[in-house]
Amino acid sequence: MSLAVADRLALADLVHLYAAAVDDRRFRDVAELFTETAELRLPDPPRELQPVRHWHGRDGVLSALSSLTEVARTQHDIVGEVYAAGPEADYALGRITAVAHHWSFGPEHPTDLVWHLRYDDEYLRTPVGWRIHGRALTINAIETRPLRRLRGTPPSPGRPSTDPAGGAGRPAASPGRRPPETRRPDRPRETP
């Protein structure tokens, strides 16, 4: 049995919504992309690059994502997607390759912790559409790169390293008014 084009497109949307919601720090939205009984299997880098830690259900997904609050921001680049039908009509499989950047402010300069990774996914069709039912993250390689500059404000004592103002700290070389944002008026600041 093969997947219909509409199902492939819906699965691709699901994968990209996951990446965008993680990068936007909308962790509750990420958890809603999983089934209630989902299993998230993660590695324990840098010691273990294979999935060895298991998280269950949407609460487990939220717990697993809490470690991302330690970095200033992330960027997930989806670089490959392969989907296949499962043995049942409402079940599908996916293999997603990605590059995940984890940017942090350091004492001397910002850094980029880069994971070259693969997600092995299981999807279930639910009354609200396709959802992730199982996700195993395997890291193929890890890099650490110095950055010249990172958007946001470095943390100070008592303040987290996130950028709640959305990058309001413009460089001094950019005086004057900001151009108006180009988004639909009915669309929230976060994507999509």
N, C-alpha and C. Protein backbone atom coordinates (compact mmCIF):
# COMPACT_ATOMS: atom_id res chain seq x y z
N MET A 1 0.85 -1.18 0.00
CA MET A 1 0.00 0.00 0.00
C MET A 1 0.89 1.24 0.00
N SER A 2 0.57 2.24 -0.81
CA SER A 2 1.35 3.47 -0.84
C SER A 2 0.53 4.61 -0.24
N LEU A 3 1.25 5.63 0.17
CA LEU A 3 0.59 6.81 0.75
C LEU A 3 0.03 7.70 -0.35
N ALA A 4 -1.15 8.23 -0.13
CA ALA A 4 -1.73 9.20 -1.06
C ALA A 4 -0.93 10.50 -0.98
N VAL A 5 -0.95 11.26 -2.06
CA VAL A 5 -0.23 12.53 -2.11
C VAL A 5 -0.67 13.45 -0.98
N ALA A 6 -1.97 13.49 -0.71
CA ALA A 6 -2.48 14.36 0.37
C ALA A 6 -1.90 13.95 1.72
N ASP A 7 -1.73 12.65 1.94
CA ASP A 7 -1.13 12.18 3.20
C ASP A 7 0.34 12.56 3.29
N ARG A 8 1.05 12.42 2.18
CA ARG A 8 2.47 12.81 2.18
C ARG A 8 2.62 14.30 2.49
N LEU A 9 1.77 15.12 1.91
CA LEU A 9 1.83 16.56 2.17
C LEU A 9 1.48 16.86 3.63
N ALA A 10 0.49 16.17 4.16
CA ALA A 10 0.11 16.38 5.56
C ALA A 10 1.24 15.96 6.51
N LEU A 11 1.93 14.87 6.20
CA LEU A 11 3.05 14.43 7.03
C LEU A 11 4.21 15.42 6.94
N ALA A 12 4.48 15.94 5.75
CA ALA A 12 5.54 16.95 5.60
C ALA A 12 5.19 18.20 6.41
N ASP A 13 3.93 18.61 6.36
CA ASP A 13 3.49 19.75 7.18
C ASP A 13 3.73 19.48 8.66
N LEU A 14 3.38 18.30 9.11
CA LEU A 14 3.56 17.93 10.51
C LEU A 14 5.02 18.04 10.92
N VAL A 15 5.91 17.52 10.11
CA VAL A 15 7.35 17.56 10.41
C VAL A 15 7.85 19.01 10.47
N HIS A 16 7.42 19.83 9.53
CA HIS A 16 7.87 21.22 9.50
C HIS A 16 7.22 22.04 10.61
N LEU A 17 5.97 21.74 10.96
CA LEU A 17 5.34 22.42 12.10
C LEU A 17 6.09 22.12 13.40
N TYR A 18 6.52 20.87 13.56
CA TYR A 18 7.32 20.51 14.73
C TYR A 18 8.57 21.39 14.81
N ALA A 19 9.33 21.46 13.72
CA ALA A 19 10.57 22.24 13.71
C ALA A 19 10.31 23.71 14.00
N ALA A 20 9.28 24.28 13.37
CA ALA A 20 8.97 25.71 13.57
C ALA A 20 8.53 25.98 15.00
N ALA A 21 7.69 25.11 15.55
CA ALA A 21 7.20 25.33 16.92
C ALA A 21 8.33 25.19 17.94
N VAL A 22 9.25 24.23 17.73
CA VAL A 22 10.40 24.12 18.64
C VAL A 22 11.23 25.39 18.57
N ASP A 23 11.52 25.87 17.36
CA ASP A 23 12.35 27.07 17.21
C ASP A 23 11.67 28.32 17.75
N ASP A 24 10.34 28.34 17.72
CA ASP A 24 9.58 29.48 18.27
C ASP A 24 9.34 29.35 19.77
N ARG A 25 9.80 28.25 20.36
CA ARG A 25 9.65 28.00 21.80
C ARG A 25 8.18 27.79 22.19
N ARG A 26 7.39 27.26 21.28
CA ARG A 26 5.99 26.96 21.56
C ARG A 26 5.87 25.48 21.91
N PHE A 27 6.40 25.11 23.06
CA PHE A 27 6.52 23.71 23.43
C PHE A 27 5.16 23.02 23.63
N ARG A 28 4.18 23.74 24.09
CA ARG A 28 2.84 23.14 24.23
C ARG A 28 2.27 22.80 22.85
N ASP A 29 2.53 23.66 21.88
CA ASP A 29 2.09 23.36 20.51
C ASP A 29 2.82 22.14 19.97
N VAL A 30 4.11 22.00 20.31
CA VAL A 30 4.87 20.83 19.89
C VAL A 30 4.22 19.57 20.46
N ALA A 31 3.92 19.59 21.75
CA ALA A 31 3.32 18.41 22.40
C ALA A 31 2.00 18.02 21.73
N GLU A 32 1.23 19.00 21.25
CA GLU A 32 -0.05 18.70 20.59
C GLU A 32 0.13 18.02 19.23
N LEU A 33 1.35 18.04 18.70
CA LEU A 33 1.63 17.36 17.43
C LEU A 33 1.86 15.86 17.63
N PHE A 34 1.88 15.42 18.89
CA PHE A 34 2.07 14.02 19.23
C PHE A 34 0.73 13.42 19.66
N THR A 35 0.61 12.10 19.54
CA THR A 35 -0.57 11.43 20.07
C THR A 35 -0.47 11.40 21.59
N GLU A 36 -1.59 11.14 22.24
CA GLU A 36 -1.60 11.10 23.71
C GLU A 36 -0.73 9.98 24.26
N THR A 37 -0.51 8.94 23.49
CA THR A 37 0.29 7.79 23.96
C THR A 37 1.63 7.69 23.24
N ALA A 38 2.10 8.79 22.68
CA ALA A 38 3.34 8.78 21.90
C ALA A 38 4.55 8.43 22.76
N GLU A 39 5.60 7.98 22.08
CA GLU A 39 6.88 7.76 22.74
C GLU A 39 7.94 8.56 21.99
N LEU A 40 8.71 9.35 22.75
CA LEU A 40 9.82 10.13 22.21
C LEU A 40 11.10 9.51 22.76
N ARG A 41 11.98 9.07 21.85
CA ARG A 41 13.23 8.43 22.25
C ARG A 41 14.38 9.34 21.85
N LEU A 42 15.21 9.69 22.85
CA LEU A 42 16.27 10.68 22.63
C LEU A 42 17.62 10.11 23.03
N PRO A 43 18.70 10.64 22.42
CA PRO A 43 20.04 10.26 22.84
C PRO A 43 20.44 11.01 24.11
N ASP A 44 21.63 10.77 24.59
CA ASP A 44 22.18 11.46 25.76
C ASP A 44 23.54 12.02 25.37
N PRO A 45 23.55 13.04 24.50
CA PRO A 45 24.83 13.53 23.97
C PRO A 45 25.63 14.27 25.05
N PRO A 46 26.93 14.29 24.96
CA PRO A 46 27.75 13.67 23.91
C PRO A 46 28.10 12.22 24.19
N ARG A 47 27.70 11.68 25.34
CA ARG A 47 28.06 10.29 25.68
C ARG A 47 27.42 9.27 24.75
N GLU A 48 26.15 9.43 24.48
CA GLU A 48 25.41 8.44 23.69
C GLU A 48 24.65 9.14 22.58
N LEU A 49 24.92 8.76 21.33
CA LEU A 49 24.28 9.41 20.19
C LEU A 49 23.07 8.64 19.67
N GLN A 50 22.87 7.43 20.16
CA GLN A 50 21.69 6.63 19.81
C GLN A 50 20.56 6.97 20.80
N PRO A 51 19.31 6.75 20.44
CA PRO A 51 18.21 7.03 21.37
C PRO A 51 18.23 6.04 22.54
N VAL A 52 18.44 6.56 23.74
CA VAL A 52 18.52 5.72 24.95
C VAL A 52 17.56 6.18 26.05
N ARG A 53 17.04 7.39 25.93
CA ARG A 53 16.11 7.91 26.93
C ARG A 53 14.71 7.92 26.33
N HIS A 54 13.73 7.50 27.11
CA HIS A 54 12.35 7.36 26.61
C HIS A 54 11.42 8.29 27.38
N TRP A 55 10.59 9.01 26.64
CA TRP A 55 9.59 9.92 27.21
C TRP A 55 8.24 9.49 26.65
N HIS A 56 7.22 9.50 27.50
CA HIS A 56 5.91 8.99 27.08
C HIS A 56 4.82 10.05 27.19
N GLY A 57 3.96 10.09 26.18
CA GLY A 57 2.82 10.99 26.17
C GLY A 57 3.23 12.44 25.97
N ARG A 58 2.22 13.29 25.91
CA ARG A 58 2.47 14.71 25.69
C ARG A 58 3.22 15.36 26.85
N ASP A 59 2.93 14.91 28.08
CA ASP A 59 3.67 15.44 29.23
C ASP A 59 5.15 15.07 29.14
N GLY A 60 5.42 13.87 28.66
CA GLY A 60 6.80 13.44 28.47
C GLY A 60 7.51 14.29 27.43
N VAL A 61 6.81 14.61 26.34
CA VAL A 61 7.38 15.48 25.31
C VAL A 61 7.73 16.83 25.90
N LEU A 62 6.81 17.40 26.69
CA LEU A 62 7.08 18.69 27.34
C LEU A 62 8.30 18.61 28.25
N SER A 63 8.41 17.55 29.01
CA SER A 63 9.56 17.38 29.90
C SER A 63 10.86 17.29 29.10
N ALA A 64 10.83 16.53 28.02
CA ALA A 64 12.03 16.38 27.20
C ALA A 64 12.47 17.70 26.60
N LEU A 65 11.52 18.52 26.17
CA LEU A 65 11.85 19.80 25.53
C LEU A 65 12.33 20.85 26.53
N SER A 66 12.12 20.63 27.81
CA SER A 66 12.52 21.63 28.81
C SER A 66 14.02 21.90 28.78
N SER A 67 14.83 20.95 28.30
CA SER A 67 16.28 21.18 28.24
C SER A 67 16.64 22.28 27.25
N LEU A 68 15.75 22.58 26.30
CA LEU A 68 16.04 23.62 25.32
C LEU A 68 15.99 25.02 25.91
N THR A 69 15.45 25.16 27.11
CA THR A 69 15.43 26.49 27.74
C THR A 69 16.83 26.93 28.15
N GLU A 70 17.80 26.02 28.11
CA GLU A 70 19.17 26.35 28.48
C GLU A 70 19.94 27.02 27.34
N VAL A 71 19.39 27.01 26.13
CA VAL A 71 20.06 27.66 25.00
C VAL A 71 19.28 28.91 24.60
N ALA A 72 19.98 29.86 23.99
CA ALA A 72 19.35 31.13 23.64
C ALA A 72 18.29 30.95 22.55
N ARG A 73 18.60 30.13 21.57
CA ARG A 73 17.65 29.87 20.48
C ARG A 73 18.10 28.64 19.72
N THR A 74 17.19 28.11 18.91
CA THR A 74 17.50 26.96 18.06
C THR A 74 17.04 27.24 16.64
N GLN A 75 17.59 26.46 15.72
CA GLN A 75 17.11 26.49 14.34
C GLN A 75 17.22 25.08 13.79
N HIS A 76 16.09 24.52 13.37
CA HIS A 76 16.04 23.18 12.81
C HIS A 76 15.86 23.29 11.29
N ASP A 77 16.85 22.80 10.57
CA ASP A 77 16.80 22.79 9.11
C ASP A 77 16.48 21.37 8.66
N ILE A 78 15.32 21.18 8.06
CA ILE A 78 14.93 19.87 7.54
C ILE A 78 15.59 19.73 6.17
N VAL A 79 16.44 18.71 6.02
CA VAL A 79 17.19 18.57 4.77
C VAL A 79 16.78 17.35 3.96
N GLY A 80 15.99 16.47 4.53
CA GLY A 80 15.53 15.30 3.78
C GLY A 80 14.32 14.67 4.45
N GLU A 81 13.38 14.17 3.63
CA GLU A 81 12.16 13.54 4.14
C GLU A 81 11.80 12.36 3.26
N VAL A 82 11.57 11.21 3.89
CA VAL A 82 11.08 10.03 3.19
C VAL A 82 9.92 9.47 4.01
N TYR A 83 8.79 9.23 3.35
CA TYR A 83 7.60 8.72 4.02
C TYR A 83 7.17 7.41 3.35
N ALA A 84 6.61 6.51 4.16
CA ALA A 84 6.13 5.23 3.64
C ALA A 84 4.86 4.84 4.37
N ALA A 85 4.00 4.12 3.67
CA ALA A 85 2.78 3.60 4.29
C ALA A 85 3.16 2.51 5.28
N GLY A 86 2.38 2.43 6.34
CA GLY A 86 2.56 1.37 7.31
C GLY A 86 1.69 0.18 6.96
N PRO A 87 1.65 -0.84 7.82
CA PRO A 87 0.85 -2.02 7.54
C PRO A 87 -0.65 -1.78 7.65
N GLU A 88 -1.05 -0.66 8.25
CA GLU A 88 -2.47 -0.31 8.38
C GLU A 88 -2.71 1.04 7.72
N ALA A 89 -3.94 1.30 7.35
CA ALA A 89 -4.26 2.52 6.59
C ALA A 89 -3.97 3.81 7.36
N ASP A 90 -4.13 3.81 8.65
CA ASP A 90 -3.95 5.03 9.43
C ASP A 90 -2.60 5.09 10.13
N TYR A 91 -1.62 4.41 9.57
CA TYR A 91 -0.29 4.33 10.16
C TYR A 91 0.73 4.59 9.06
N ALA A 92 1.76 5.41 9.34
CA ALA A 92 2.80 5.71 8.35
C ALA A 92 4.14 5.83 9.06
N LEU A 93 5.18 5.74 8.27
CA LEU A 93 6.54 5.84 8.77
C LEU A 93 7.26 6.98 8.08
N GLY A 94 8.26 7.54 8.75
CA GLY A 94 9.04 8.61 8.16
C GLY A 94 10.49 8.55 8.62
N ARG A 95 11.37 8.96 7.73
CA ARG A 95 12.78 9.12 8.07
C ARG A 95 13.15 10.53 7.65
N ILE A 96 13.48 11.35 8.67
CA ILE A 96 13.72 12.77 8.46
C ILE A 96 15.17 13.07 8.81
N THR A 97 15.89 13.70 7.90
CA THR A 97 17.24 14.15 8.23
C THR A 97 17.19 15.66 8.44
N ALA A 98 18.00 16.12 9.39
CA ALA A 98 17.96 17.54 9.75
C ALA A 98 19.31 17.97 10.32
N VAL A 99 19.49 19.27 10.37
CA VAL A 99 20.61 19.89 11.06
C VAL A 99 19.99 20.81 12.10
N ALA A 100 20.34 20.58 13.37
CA ALA A 100 19.78 21.37 14.46
C ALA A 100 20.88 22.23 15.07
N HIS A 101 20.65 23.54 15.04
CA HIS A 101 21.59 24.49 15.65
C HIS A 101 21.07 24.86 17.03
N HIS A 102 21.95 24.84 18.02
CA HIS A 102 21.63 25.22 19.40
C HIS A 102 22.58 26.37 19.74
N TRP A 103 22.06 27.60 19.71
CA TRP A 103 22.90 28.78 19.89
C TRP A 103 22.86 29.25 21.34
N SER A 104 24.05 29.52 21.87
CA SER A 104 24.17 29.97 23.26
C SER A 104 25.14 31.14 23.35
N PHE A 105 24.90 31.99 24.33
CA PHE A 105 25.85 33.04 24.64
C PHE A 105 26.91 32.46 25.55
N GLY A 106 28.17 32.64 25.21
CA GLY A 106 29.26 32.15 26.04
C GLY A 106 29.99 33.29 26.71
N PRO A 107 30.94 32.98 27.59
CA PRO A 107 31.66 34.05 28.29
C PRO A 107 32.51 34.90 27.35
N GLU A 108 33.04 34.28 26.26
CA GLU A 108 33.88 35.03 25.33
C GLU A 108 33.16 35.37 24.04
N HIS A 109 32.37 34.43 23.52
CA HIS A 109 31.64 34.63 22.26
C HIS A 109 30.48 33.64 22.23
N PRO A 110 29.47 33.92 21.42
CA PRO A 110 28.38 32.95 21.29
C PRO A 110 28.87 31.69 20.58
N THR A 111 28.19 30.58 20.82
CA THR A 111 28.56 29.32 20.18
C THR A 111 27.35 28.68 19.52
N ASP A 112 27.65 27.82 18.57
CA ASP A 112 26.64 27.05 17.85
C ASP A 112 26.97 25.58 18.05
N LEU A 113 26.15 24.89 18.81
CA LEU A 113 26.26 23.44 18.97
C LEU A 113 25.39 22.82 17.89
N VAL A 114 26.01 22.15 16.93
CA VAL A 114 25.31 21.66 15.74
C VAL A 114 25.16 20.15 15.83
N TRP A 115 23.92 19.68 15.67
CA TRP A 115 23.65 18.25 15.60
C TRP A 115 23.24 17.92 14.17
N HIS A 116 23.92 16.98 13.55
CA HIS A 116 23.49 16.41 12.28
C HIS A 116 22.72 15.16 12.67
N LEU A 117 21.42 15.15 12.40
CA LEU A 117 20.58 14.13 13.03
C LEU A 117 19.59 13.48 12.07
N ARG A 118 18.99 12.43 12.59
CA ARG A 118 17.95 11.70 11.87
C ARG A 118 16.81 11.42 12.85
N TYR A 119 15.59 11.64 12.40
CA TYR A 119 14.40 11.22 13.14
C TYR A 119 13.82 10.00 12.43
N ASP A 120 13.59 8.93 13.18
CA ASP A 120 12.84 7.79 12.67
C ASP A 120 11.46 7.88 13.31
N ASP A 121 10.46 8.16 12.48
CA ASP A 121 9.12 8.49 12.98
C ASP A 121 8.09 7.41 12.68
N GLU A 122 7.08 7.38 13.55
CA GLU A 122 5.85 6.62 13.33
C GLU A 122 4.72 7.64 13.47
N TYR A 123 3.77 7.59 12.54
CA TYR A 123 2.66 8.54 12.54
C TYR A 123 1.33 7.78 12.60
N LEU A 124 0.38 8.37 13.30
CA LEU A 124 -0.99 7.84 13.33
C LEU A 124 -1.95 8.91 12.85
N ARG A 125 -2.94 8.50 12.05
CA ARG A 125 -4.00 9.42 11.67
C ARG A 125 -5.01 9.46 12.82
N THR A 126 -5.34 10.65 13.28
CA THR A 126 -6.28 10.85 14.39
C THR A 126 -7.45 11.66 13.88
N PRO A 127 -8.48 11.87 14.69
CA PRO A 127 -9.60 12.71 14.24
C PRO A 127 -9.19 14.14 13.88
N VAL A 128 -8.05 14.61 14.39
CA VAL A 128 -7.59 15.96 14.06
C VAL A 128 -6.46 15.96 13.04
N GLY A 129 -6.20 14.82 12.41
CA GLY A 129 -5.16 14.72 11.38
C GLY A 129 -4.00 13.85 11.84
N TRP A 130 -2.97 13.80 11.03
CA TRP A 130 -1.79 12.99 11.35
C TRP A 130 -1.08 13.55 12.57
N ARG A 131 -0.60 12.66 13.43
CA ARG A 131 0.18 13.03 14.61
C ARG A 131 1.37 12.10 14.74
N ILE A 132 2.41 12.57 15.41
CA ILE A 132 3.59 11.76 15.67
C ILE A 132 3.25 10.78 16.80
N HIS A 133 3.43 9.51 16.55
CA HIS A 133 3.14 8.50 17.56
C HIS A 133 4.44 7.94 18.17
N GLY A 134 5.50 8.01 17.41
CA GLY A 134 6.81 7.60 17.89
C GLY A 134 7.88 8.39 17.17
N ARG A 135 8.87 8.85 17.90
CA ARG A 135 9.98 9.58 17.27
C ARG A 135 11.25 9.17 17.98
N ALA A 136 12.22 8.67 17.21
CA ALA A 136 13.54 8.31 17.73
C ALA A 136 14.57 9.22 17.08
N LEU A 137 15.31 9.96 17.88
CA LEU A 137 16.32 10.89 17.39
C LEU A 137 17.69 10.24 17.51
N THR A 138 18.40 10.15 16.40
CA THR A 138 19.77 9.65 16.38
C THR A 138 20.66 10.79 15.89
N ILE A 139 21.74 11.06 16.62
CA ILE A 139 22.70 12.08 16.21
C ILE A 139 23.83 11.39 15.46
N ASN A 140 24.09 11.83 14.23
CA ASN A 140 25.18 11.26 13.43
C ASN A 140 26.50 11.97 13.67
N ALA A 141 26.48 13.24 13.98
CA ALA A 141 27.70 14.00 14.24
C ALA A 141 27.36 15.24 15.05
N ILE A 142 28.33 15.70 15.83
CA ILE A 142 28.18 16.91 16.64
C ILE A 142 29.35 17.83 16.32
N GLU A 143 29.03 19.10 16.12
CA GLU A 143 30.06 20.13 15.92
C GLU A 143 29.82 21.24 16.94
N THR A 144 30.88 21.94 17.29
CA THR A 144 30.76 23.18 18.07
C THR A 144 31.50 24.26 17.30
N ARG A 145 30.79 25.34 17.01
CA ARG A 145 31.37 26.43 16.21
C ARG A 145 31.26 27.74 16.97
N PRO A 146 32.30 28.57 16.92
CA PRO A 146 32.16 29.91 17.49
C PRO A 146 31.31 30.76 16.53
N LEU A 147 30.55 31.67 17.09
CA LEU A 147 29.75 32.60 16.29
C LEU A 147 30.30 34.01 16.45
N ARG A 148 30.14 34.79 15.42
CA ARG A 148 30.55 36.18 15.50
C ARG A 148 29.53 37.00 16.29
N ARG A 149 28.25 36.70 16.05
CA ARG A 149 27.20 37.45 16.71
C ARG A 149 25.94 36.61 16.78
N LEU A 150 25.15 36.82 17.81
CA LEU A 150 23.90 36.10 17.99
C LEU A 150 22.82 37.11 18.33
N ARG A 151 21.71 37.07 17.60
CA ARG A 151 20.61 38.00 17.85
C ARG A 151 20.06 37.75 19.25
N GLY A 152 19.80 38.82 19.95
CA GLY A 152 19.28 38.73 21.29
C GLY A 152 20.19 39.42 22.28
N THR A 153 19.88 39.24 23.52
CA THR A 153 20.63 39.88 24.60
C THR A 153 21.28 38.81 25.44
N PRO A 154 22.61 38.91 25.65
CA PRO A 154 23.25 37.92 26.52
C PRO A 154 22.63 37.95 27.91
N PRO A 155 22.59 36.80 28.57
CA PRO A 155 21.98 36.75 29.89
C PRO A 155 22.78 37.54 30.91
N SER A 156 22.08 38.09 31.85
CA SER A 156 22.73 38.73 32.99
C SER A 156 22.27 37.96 34.22
N PRO A 157 22.94 38.13 35.35
CA PRO A 157 22.52 37.39 36.54
C PRO A 157 21.03 37.59 36.82
N GLY A 158 20.33 36.49 36.98
CA GLY A 158 18.90 36.55 37.30
C GLY A 158 17.99 36.63 36.11
N ARG A 159 18.56 36.65 34.89
CA ARG A 159 17.72 36.72 33.69
C ARG A 159 18.09 35.57 32.75
N PRO A 160 17.10 34.86 32.22
CA PRO A 160 17.41 33.75 31.32
C PRO A 160 18.02 34.23 30.01
N SER A 161 18.59 33.30 29.26
CA SER A 161 19.30 33.65 28.03
C SER A 161 18.39 33.76 26.82
N THR A 162 17.09 33.67 27.00
CA THR A 162 16.18 33.80 25.85
C THR A 162 16.02 35.26 25.49
N ASP A 163 15.37 35.51 24.38
CA ASP A 163 15.20 36.85 23.86
C ASP A 163 13.72 37.19 23.82
N PRO A 164 13.09 37.50 24.99
CA PRO A 164 11.65 37.70 25.02
C PRO A 164 11.19 38.88 24.20
N ALA A 165 12.06 39.82 23.93
CA ALA A 165 11.64 40.99 23.16
C ALA A 165 11.69 40.73 21.66
N GLY A 166 12.05 39.52 21.28
CA GLY A 166 12.09 39.20 19.85
C GLY A 166 13.18 39.93 19.12
N GLY A 167 14.34 40.14 19.77
CA GLY A 167 15.46 40.79 19.11
C GLY A 167 15.35 42.29 19.10
N ALA A 168 14.72 42.87 20.13
CA ALA A 168 14.52 44.31 20.17
C ALA A 168 15.83 45.08 20.28
N GLY A 169 16.89 44.45 20.72
CA GLY A 169 18.17 45.14 20.85
C GLY A 169 18.84 45.32 19.50
N ARG A 170 18.40 46.33 18.73
CA ARG A 170 18.97 46.57 17.41
C ARG A 170 20.37 47.15 17.55
N PRO A 171 21.25 46.89 16.59
CA PRO A 171 22.57 47.49 16.64
C PRO A 171 22.48 48.99 16.47
N ALA A 172 23.46 49.70 17.04
CA ALA A 172 23.46 51.16 16.98
C ALA A 172 23.53 51.67 15.55
N ALA A 173 24.05 50.87 14.63
CA ALA A 173 24.17 51.29 13.24
C ALA A 173 22.84 51.26 12.50
N SER A 174 21.75 50.94 13.17
CA SER A 174 20.44 50.88 12.52
C SER A 174 19.48 51.88 13.15
N PRO A 175 19.79 53.18 13.08
CA PRO A 175 18.90 54.15 13.69
C PRO A 175 17.62 54.31 12.89
N GLY A 176 16.66 54.97 13.52
CA GLY A 176 15.43 55.28 12.81
C GLY A 176 14.34 54.27 13.08
N ARG A 177 13.23 54.51 12.38
CA ARG A 177 12.05 53.66 12.56
C ARG A 177 12.25 52.30 11.95
N ARG A 178 11.64 51.33 12.57
CA ARG A 178 11.61 49.99 12.00
C ARG A 178 10.54 49.93 10.93
N PRO A 179 10.79 49.23 9.83
CA PRO A 179 9.73 49.09 8.84
C PRO A 179 8.60 48.25 9.41
N PRO A 180 7.39 48.47 8.93
CA PRO A 180 6.27 47.66 9.44
C PRO A 180 6.48 46.19 9.11
N GLU A 181 5.96 45.33 9.98
CA GLU A 181 6.08 43.90 9.74
C GLU A 181 5.18 43.49 8.59
N THR A 182 5.63 42.50 7.83
CA THR A 182 4.86 42.05 6.68
C THR A 182 4.24 40.70 7.00
N ARG A 183 3.20 40.72 7.77
CA ARG A 183 2.43 39.49 8.05
C ARG A 183 0.96 39.86 8.01
N ARG A 184 0.16 38.85 7.76
CA ARG A 184 -1.27 39.10 7.72
C ARG A 184 -1.73 39.59 9.08
N PRO A 185 -2.67 40.54 9.13
CA PRO A 185 -3.12 41.07 10.41
C PRO A 185 -3.75 40.03 11.32
N ASP A 186 -4.33 38.98 10.74
CA ASP A 186 -4.97 37.97 11.57
C ASP A 186 -4.01 36.88 12.01
N ARG A 187 -2.74 36.95 11.65
CA ARG A 187 -1.76 35.93 11.98
C ARG A 187 -0.95 36.37 13.20
N PRO A 188 -0.81 35.49 14.20
CA PRO A 188 -0.01 35.86 15.38
C PRO A 188 1.46 36.00 15.01
N ARG A 189 2.23 36.61 15.89
CA ARG A 189 3.64 36.84 15.66
C ARG A 189 4.39 35.53 15.40
N GLU A 190 4.02 34.47 16.14
CA GLU A 190 4.68 33.19 15.94
C GLU A 190 4.27 32.60 14.61
N THR A 191 5.07 31.69 14.10
CA THR A 191 4.70 31.01 12.87
C THR A 191 4.20 29.62 13.20
N PRO A 192 3.44 29.06 12.38
CA PRO A 192 2.77 29.57 11.21
C PRO A 192 1.49 30.26 11.57
